[in-house]
Protein backbone atom coordinates (compact mmCIF):
# COMPACT_ATOMS: atom_id res chain seq x y z
CA MET A 1 63.51 57.90 53.91
CA LEU A 2 62.82 58.85 50.30
CA VAL A 3 59.25 57.51 50.57
CA PHE A 4 58.73 59.56 53.75
CA PHE A 5 60.07 62.71 52.07
CA LEU A 6 57.81 62.24 49.05
CA SER A 7 54.77 61.65 51.27
CA MET A 8 55.61 64.78 53.32
CA LYS A 9 55.93 66.74 50.11
CA LYS A 10 52.38 65.69 49.20
CA VAL A 11 51.20 66.91 52.59
CA TYR A 12 52.94 70.25 52.00
CA TYR A 13 51.21 70.71 48.64
CA ILE A 14 47.82 69.77 50.11
CA LEU A 15 48.26 72.35 52.87
CA ILE A 16 49.29 75.00 50.35
CA ALA A 17 46.24 74.19 48.22
CA LEU A 18 44.07 74.67 51.31
CA LEU A 19 45.17 78.31 51.75
CA PRO A 20 42.83 79.87 49.16
CA ILE A 21 40.07 77.47 50.24
CA GLN A 22 40.47 78.75 53.81
CA TRP A 23 40.17 82.38 52.72
CA ILE A 24 37.04 81.67 50.71
CA ALA A 25 35.50 79.63 53.56
CA ILE A 26 36.23 82.34 56.17
CA GLY A 27 34.80 84.98 53.85
CA MET A 28 31.56 83.02 53.68
CA ILE A 29 31.41 81.99 57.36
CA LYS A 30 32.01 85.46 58.81
CA LYS A 31 28.87 86.71 57.06
CA ASN A 32 26.83 84.44 59.37
CA PRO A 33 27.56 85.55 62.97
CA GLU A 34 24.39 83.87 64.26
CA TRP A 35 25.62 80.51 62.96
CA ILE A 36 29.08 81.06 64.45
CA GLU A 37 27.56 82.09 67.79
CA LEU A 38 25.29 79.08 68.05
CA PHE A 39 27.39 76.33 66.49
CA PHE A 40 30.98 77.34 67.23
CA SER A 41 31.17 79.88 70.08
CA GLN A 42 28.53 78.40 72.38
CA ASN A 43 28.94 74.70 71.58
CA LEU A 44 32.11 73.60 69.78
CA TYR A 45 34.52 76.13 71.29
CA PRO A 46 33.62 75.38 74.96
CA PHE A 47 34.24 71.68 74.25
CA ILE A 48 37.62 72.44 72.62
CA PHE A 49 38.59 74.72 75.51
CA LYS A 50 37.66 72.14 78.15
CA MET A 51 39.89 69.59 76.38
CA HIS A 52 42.81 72.03 76.39
CA ARG A 53 42.14 72.95 80.01
CA PHE A 54 42.09 69.30 81.10
CA PHE A 55 45.60 68.69 79.75
CA LEU A 56 47.22 72.08 80.43
CA VAL A 57 45.70 73.68 83.54
CA ASN A 58 47.87 71.76 86.01
CA LEU A 59 51.15 72.17 84.13
CA PRO A 60 53.47 74.32 86.29
CA PHE A 61 54.56 76.23 83.17
CA SER A 62 52.93 77.57 80.03
CA PHE A 63 53.00 74.99 77.25
CA GLY A 64 52.12 77.78 74.82
CA ASP A 65 55.24 79.73 75.81
CA LEU A 66 57.33 76.58 75.33
CA PHE A 67 55.69 75.97 71.93
CA TYR A 68 56.55 79.50 70.77
CA GLY A 69 60.14 78.99 71.91
CA ILE A 70 60.42 75.78 69.86
CA ILE A 71 58.95 77.55 66.81
CA VAL A 72 61.52 80.36 67.10
CA ILE A 73 64.38 77.82 67.35
CA PHE A 74 63.00 75.96 64.31
CA ILE A 75 62.82 79.19 62.29
CA ILE A 76 66.38 80.19 63.22
CA LYS A 77 67.67 76.70 62.35
CA SER A 78 65.87 76.75 58.97
CA ILE A 79 67.28 80.19 58.13
CA ILE A 80 70.83 79.06 59.01
CA GLN A 81 70.45 75.99 56.78
CA LEU A 82 69.13 78.20 53.99
CA ILE A 83 72.11 80.57 54.29
CA LYS A 84 74.55 77.64 54.15
CA LYS A 85 72.98 76.03 51.07
CA PRO A 86 70.70 78.65 49.48
CA LYS A 87 70.35 77.04 46.03
CA GLN A 88 69.54 73.55 47.33
CA ARG A 89 67.15 74.66 50.10
CA ILE A 90 65.32 77.77 48.87
CA LYS A 91 62.49 75.87 47.14
CA LEU A 92 61.95 73.46 50.04
CA PHE A 93 62.15 76.34 52.53
CA LEU A 94 59.40 78.28 50.74
CA ILE A 95 57.19 75.19 50.38
CA GLN A 96 57.58 74.29 54.05
CA SER A 97 56.99 77.87 55.20
CA ILE A 98 53.75 78.30 53.24
CA ALA A 99 52.53 74.82 54.27
CA ILE A 100 53.22 75.52 57.97
CA LEU A 101 51.48 78.88 57.68
CA SER A 102 48.45 77.15 56.19
CA LEU A 103 48.43 74.55 58.99
CA ILE A 104 48.68 77.23 61.70
CA LEU A 105 45.81 79.17 60.15
CA ILE A 106 43.62 76.05 60.06
CA VAL A 107 44.32 75.24 63.71
CA PHE A 108 43.92 78.91 64.70
CA GLN A 109 40.46 79.21 63.15
CA ILE A 110 39.21 75.87 64.46
CA THR A 111 40.43 76.34 68.03
CA TRP A 112 39.67 80.01 68.58
CA GLY A 113 39.81 82.36 65.58
CA LEU A 114 36.18 82.01 64.52
CA ASN A 115 35.21 83.85 67.71
CA TYR A 116 36.20 87.06 65.90
CA TYR A 117 33.03 86.71 63.84
CA ARG A 118 30.49 85.84 66.55
CA ILE A 119 27.62 88.16 67.54
CA PRO A 120 29.14 91.33 69.09
CA LEU A 121 28.90 91.62 72.86
CA HIS A 122 26.91 94.85 72.80
CA LYS A 123 24.18 93.14 70.78
CA SER A 124 24.05 90.21 73.19
CA LEU A 125 23.78 92.65 76.12
CA ASN A 126 21.44 95.00 74.24
CA TYR A 127 23.81 97.94 74.79
CA ASN A 128 23.64 101.11 72.69
CA LEU A 129 27.20 102.09 71.80
CA LYS A 130 26.36 105.63 70.69
CA TYR A 131 27.21 108.28 73.26
CA ASN A 132 27.82 112.01 73.45
CA GLU A 133 30.27 114.15 75.38
CA ALA A 134 27.82 114.75 78.21
CA GLU A 135 27.37 111.01 78.78
CA LEU A 136 31.12 110.45 78.67
CA THR A 137 31.63 113.26 81.17
CA GLU A 138 28.96 111.87 83.49
CA THR A 139 30.50 108.40 83.38
CA LEU A 140 33.99 109.71 84.10
CA GLU A 141 32.64 111.73 87.05
CA LYS A 142 31.03 108.57 88.50
CA LEU A 143 34.24 106.58 88.04
CA ILE A 144 36.36 109.28 89.69
CA LYS A 145 33.98 109.62 92.66
CA THR A 146 33.85 105.86 93.18
CA THR A 147 37.61 105.42 92.84
CA ASN A 148 38.33 108.26 95.26
CA ILE A 149 36.06 106.67 97.90
CA LEU A 150 37.70 103.27 97.41
CA HIS A 151 41.15 104.85 97.54
CA LEU A 152 40.48 106.47 100.92
CA ARG A 153 39.18 103.17 102.27
CA LEU A 154 42.31 101.31 101.17
CA SER A 155 45.02 103.90 101.94
CA ASN A 156 43.52 106.22 104.61
CA SER A 157 45.05 109.25 102.85
CA ASP A 158 44.30 110.88 99.51
CA SER A 159 48.02 111.45 98.87
CA ILE A 160 49.26 107.92 99.60
CA SER A 161 49.04 105.33 96.83
CA VAL A 162 47.26 102.03 97.46
CA GLN A 163 49.61 99.13 98.18
CA ILE A 164 48.06 95.82 97.13
CA PRO A 165 48.98 93.30 99.87
CA TYR A 166 48.76 90.09 97.79
CA SER A 167 51.32 88.28 95.68
CA LYS A 168 50.58 87.98 91.98
CA ASP A 169 49.98 84.24 92.27
CA VAL A 170 47.42 84.90 95.00
CA LEU A 171 45.77 87.56 92.83
CA ILE A 172 45.40 85.05 90.00
CA ASN A 173 43.69 82.58 92.35
CA MET A 174 41.38 85.28 93.73
CA ILE A 175 40.32 86.42 90.26
CA GLU A 176 39.87 82.87 88.92
CA LYS A 177 37.74 81.91 91.90
CA ASN A 178 35.25 84.75 91.40
CA PHE A 179 35.44 85.25 87.64
CA SER A 180 31.96 85.12 86.13
CA PHE A 181 30.36 86.85 83.17
CA GLU A 182 27.09 85.97 81.41
CA GLU A 183 27.54 82.22 81.96
CA GLU A 184 24.78 81.32 79.53
CA LEU A 185 26.72 82.98 76.70
CA TYR A 186 30.20 82.06 77.95
CA PRO A 187 30.12 78.65 79.70
CA ILE A 188 33.88 78.61 80.29
CA LYS A 189 36.07 78.35 83.40
CA PRO A 190 39.24 80.27 82.47
CA PHE A 191 42.72 79.99 83.94
CA VAL A 192 45.85 82.13 83.72
CA LYS A 193 49.59 81.58 84.01
CA ASN A 194 52.55 83.91 84.34
CA SER A 195 54.49 84.02 81.09
CA GLN A 196 57.97 82.53 80.96
CA TRP A 197 58.83 85.26 78.48
CA SER A 198 57.75 88.18 80.70
CA THR A 199 60.93 90.19 80.17
CA LEU A 200 60.60 89.79 76.41
CA LEU A 201 56.91 90.79 76.63
CA SER A 202 57.96 93.92 78.53
CA TYR A 203 60.34 94.96 75.74
CA MET A 204 57.62 94.19 73.20
CA GLY A 205 55.20 96.43 75.10
CA TYR A 206 52.70 93.66 75.96
CA ALA A 207 51.02 93.06 79.32
CA GLY A 208 49.74 89.61 78.35
CA TYR A 209 48.39 87.45 75.57
CA LEU A 210 46.20 84.48 74.77
CA ASN A 211 47.85 81.66 72.85
CA PRO A 212 45.12 80.84 70.28
CA LEU A 213 46.63 77.40 69.60
CA THR A 214 46.88 76.09 73.17
CA LEU A 215 44.18 78.44 74.58
CA GLU A 216 46.40 79.34 77.55
CA SER A 217 46.32 82.91 78.86
CA GLN A 218 49.70 84.33 79.79
CA VAL A 219 50.34 87.49 81.81
CA ASN A 220 53.53 89.54 82.04
CA LYS A 221 54.56 88.97 85.66
CA HIS A 222 56.70 92.14 85.74
CA ILE A 223 53.90 94.69 85.29
CA PRO A 224 52.69 96.64 88.37
CA LYS A 225 49.97 94.89 90.38
CA LEU A 226 47.26 97.46 89.63
CA ASN A 227 47.62 96.78 85.91
CA TYR A 228 48.32 93.09 86.50
CA ILE A 229 44.83 92.53 87.96
CA THR A 230 42.93 93.88 84.96
CA THR A 231 45.34 92.17 82.56
CA VAL A 232 44.57 88.81 84.18
CA ALA A 233 40.85 89.50 83.79
CA HIS A 234 41.35 90.70 80.20
CA GLU A 235 43.17 87.53 79.14
CA MET A 236 40.59 85.37 80.92
CA ALA A 237 37.91 87.18 78.91
CA HIS A 238 39.67 86.06 75.74
CA GLN A 239 39.48 82.49 77.01
CA LEU A 240 35.71 82.86 77.24
CA GLY A 241 35.73 83.15 73.46
CA VAL A 242 35.62 86.95 73.46
CA ALA A 243 37.92 88.04 70.64
CA PRO A 244 37.63 91.86 70.25
CA GLU A 245 40.01 93.75 72.53
CA SER A 246 37.33 96.32 73.41
CA GLU A 247 35.03 93.56 74.67
CA ALA A 248 37.82 91.83 76.62
CA ASN A 249 38.66 95.20 78.20
CA TYR A 250 35.03 95.74 79.16
CA ILE A 251 34.74 92.27 80.71
CA ALA A 252 37.95 92.97 82.65
CA PHE A 253 36.33 96.16 83.97
CA TYR A 254 32.99 94.48 84.73
CA THR A 255 34.39 91.40 86.49
CA THR A 256 36.89 93.34 88.60
CA ILE A 257 34.45 96.00 89.85
CA ASN A 258 32.02 93.20 90.79
CA HIS A 259 34.69 91.18 92.59
CA PRO A 260 34.19 90.93 96.40
CA ASN A 261 37.75 92.13 97.11
CA PRO A 262 38.07 95.96 97.32
CA PHE A 263 41.64 96.01 95.96
CA ILE A 264 40.50 94.22 92.83
CA GLN A 265 37.48 96.56 92.57
CA TYR A 266 39.87 99.51 92.86
CA SER A 267 41.96 98.17 89.99
CA GLY A 268 38.86 97.86 87.78
CA TYR A 269 37.57 101.38 88.42
CA SER A 270 40.97 103.03 87.95
CA PHE A 271 41.44 100.99 84.76
CA ALA A 272 38.25 102.51 83.28
CA ILE A 273 39.25 106.02 84.34
CA ARG A 274 42.37 105.93 82.16
CA TYR A 275 40.39 105.03 79.05
CA CYS A 276 37.48 107.41 79.67
CA TYR A 277 39.83 110.29 80.49
CA SER A 278 41.77 109.67 77.28
CA GLU A 279 38.57 109.76 75.20
CA LEU A 280 37.26 112.92 76.89
CA TYR A 281 40.65 114.60 76.43
CA LYS A 282 40.38 114.06 72.68
CA ALA A 283 36.98 115.79 72.63
CA ASN A 284 37.41 118.43 75.34
CA PRO A 285 40.91 118.74 76.87
CA GLU A 286 39.93 121.47 79.34
CA LYS A 287 36.98 119.51 80.72
CA ALA A 288 39.11 116.36 80.97
CA LYS A 289 41.79 118.24 82.95
CA GLU A 290 39.14 119.75 85.21
CA LEU A 291 37.71 116.31 86.08
CA ILE A 292 41.04 114.56 86.53
CA SER A 293 42.18 117.31 88.93
CA VAL A 294 39.62 115.95 91.42
CA LEU A 295 41.28 112.52 91.39
CA HIS A 296 43.31 111.87 94.53
CA PRO A 297 47.10 112.39 94.18
CA GLY A 298 47.67 108.86 95.46
CA ILE A 299 45.74 107.46 92.48
CA ILE A 300 47.71 109.62 90.04
CA GLU A 301 50.87 108.26 91.63
CA LYS A 302 49.90 104.72 90.56
CA PHE A 303 49.25 105.90 87.01
CA LYS A 304 52.73 107.44 86.96
CA GLU A 305 54.19 104.18 88.24
CA LEU A 306 52.65 102.31 85.31
CA SER A 307 53.96 104.86 82.79
CA ALA A 308 57.44 104.66 84.35
CA PHE A 309 57.39 100.87 84.02
CA TRP A 310 56.75 100.97 80.27
CA ARG A 311 59.32 103.76 79.74
CA GLU A 312 61.94 101.52 81.33
CA TYR A 313 61.45 98.92 78.59
CA LYS A 314 60.97 101.30 75.67
CA ASN A 315 63.10 100.34 72.66
CA PRO A 316 63.33 101.06 68.89
CA PHE A 317 61.69 97.75 67.91
CA GLU A 318 58.47 98.19 69.91
CA PRO A 319 56.65 100.39 67.31
CA PHE A 320 57.26 97.76 64.61
CA LEU A 321 55.92 94.99 66.85
CA LYS A 322 52.85 97.09 67.65
CA LYS A 323 52.36 97.75 63.93
CA GLY A 324 52.45 94.01 63.29
CA TYR A 325 49.85 93.39 65.99
CA ASP A 326 47.75 96.22 64.58
CA SER A 327 47.78 94.49 61.19
CA TYR A 328 46.84 91.15 62.81
CA LEU A 329 43.81 92.71 64.50
CA LYS A 330 42.65 94.41 61.32
CA ALA A 331 43.08 91.16 59.37
CA ASN A 332 40.72 89.50 61.86
CA GLY A 333 37.92 92.00 61.47
CA GLN A 334 38.87 94.57 64.14
CA ARG A 335 38.65 97.69 61.99
CA LEU A 336 40.31 99.96 64.55
CA GLY A 337 43.28 97.66 64.97
CA ILE A 338 45.27 98.33 68.13
CA LYS A 339 43.02 101.33 68.87
CA SER A 340 40.16 98.88 69.44
CA TYR A 341 41.26 98.63 73.09
CA ASP A 342 39.95 102.20 73.53
CA ALA A 343 36.53 101.24 72.15
CA MET A 344 35.73 99.74 75.56
CA VAL A 345 34.66 103.26 76.58
CA ALA A 346 31.35 102.92 74.71
CA LEU A 347 30.62 99.68 76.62
CA VAL A 348 31.56 101.26 79.96
CA ILE A 349 29.23 104.22 79.27
CA ALA A 350 26.42 101.87 78.23
CA HIS A 351 26.98 99.91 81.46
CA SER A 352 26.90 103.14 83.44
CA GLN A 353 23.53 104.03 81.89
CA VAL A 354 21.90 100.81 83.12
CA SER A 355 23.80 100.35 86.40
CA THR A 356 24.12 102.37 89.56
CA TYR A 357 27.41 102.04 91.40
CA ASP A 358 26.66 101.14 95.02
CA LEU A 359 28.85 103.76 96.69
CA ASP A 360 27.56 102.96 100.16
CA LYS A 361 29.43 99.65 100.22
CA PHE A 362 32.74 101.52 100.01
CA TYR A 363 32.29 103.60 103.15
């Protein structure tokens, strides 16, 4: 037992010594997005993901959720032991904690984290992200017109909200079956599971997440279906190796509006309206109000339903959790932090400039 403890202690010190080496290595690697794109994102990562998928896709539960639960239990147990014998355990506790942190960071970067530093999506798609108020207004007008037409097709009344007739498990299968985005750049077949910690996610203010260690995408099964659809697509986008939240949001929009099912299309268009309206409101509140007044009351009703859902779970701890996530995003190169979700608007506008929504198919 003593020999094992001494050998483990060596491992701890090696892992601790690797921390500064990791920071230096990441600092050098992230300056070479072309190398990351070619070597890691398009070659090594797809292989790693396929290995994870092979072992985890058919599990009836999320292994990543289970893993997080075990980690929490381990942390609580370690803290209790530290409280009972603080003098004897404080040094070992600190050594173990730093070593485990170092190990997690190594696994995180190798399995998924390096995708943060790949070539940005807008460069791969040759999109210009600069836009003015007129272009934003034009895009929002298109989205509202398209969504209104779809809404009438699906509800037969502008004042009645759309009721999505599929279970959430069926929706996952429908999205997985038709999920496709730039397959040459992202040769991945993603999969999604409902999170076992959905109630906890609701109180934390999260609709879903990708576990970067197991590469499983989890979705909060309690959220309303309209939001659930785009969340599934968003988390699947992360599985493609798309790290920035703005890009995952854009792929969620793109894949849902191009899905053959009109309910899923409706979710994608209404999803983009919320973000584009928010951006226009910041620049020109009166114009934003004028445009949104044209949106059918039944669509507004769904937006209110989503807001009511999150109000139900609002709690004093949520802002601190969001602040922690904001810091995580900034630490991984997303300068805007949690506001980076909103940056999808530039991609949606760029898409609108090169694409014409086929309104005839909705009549």
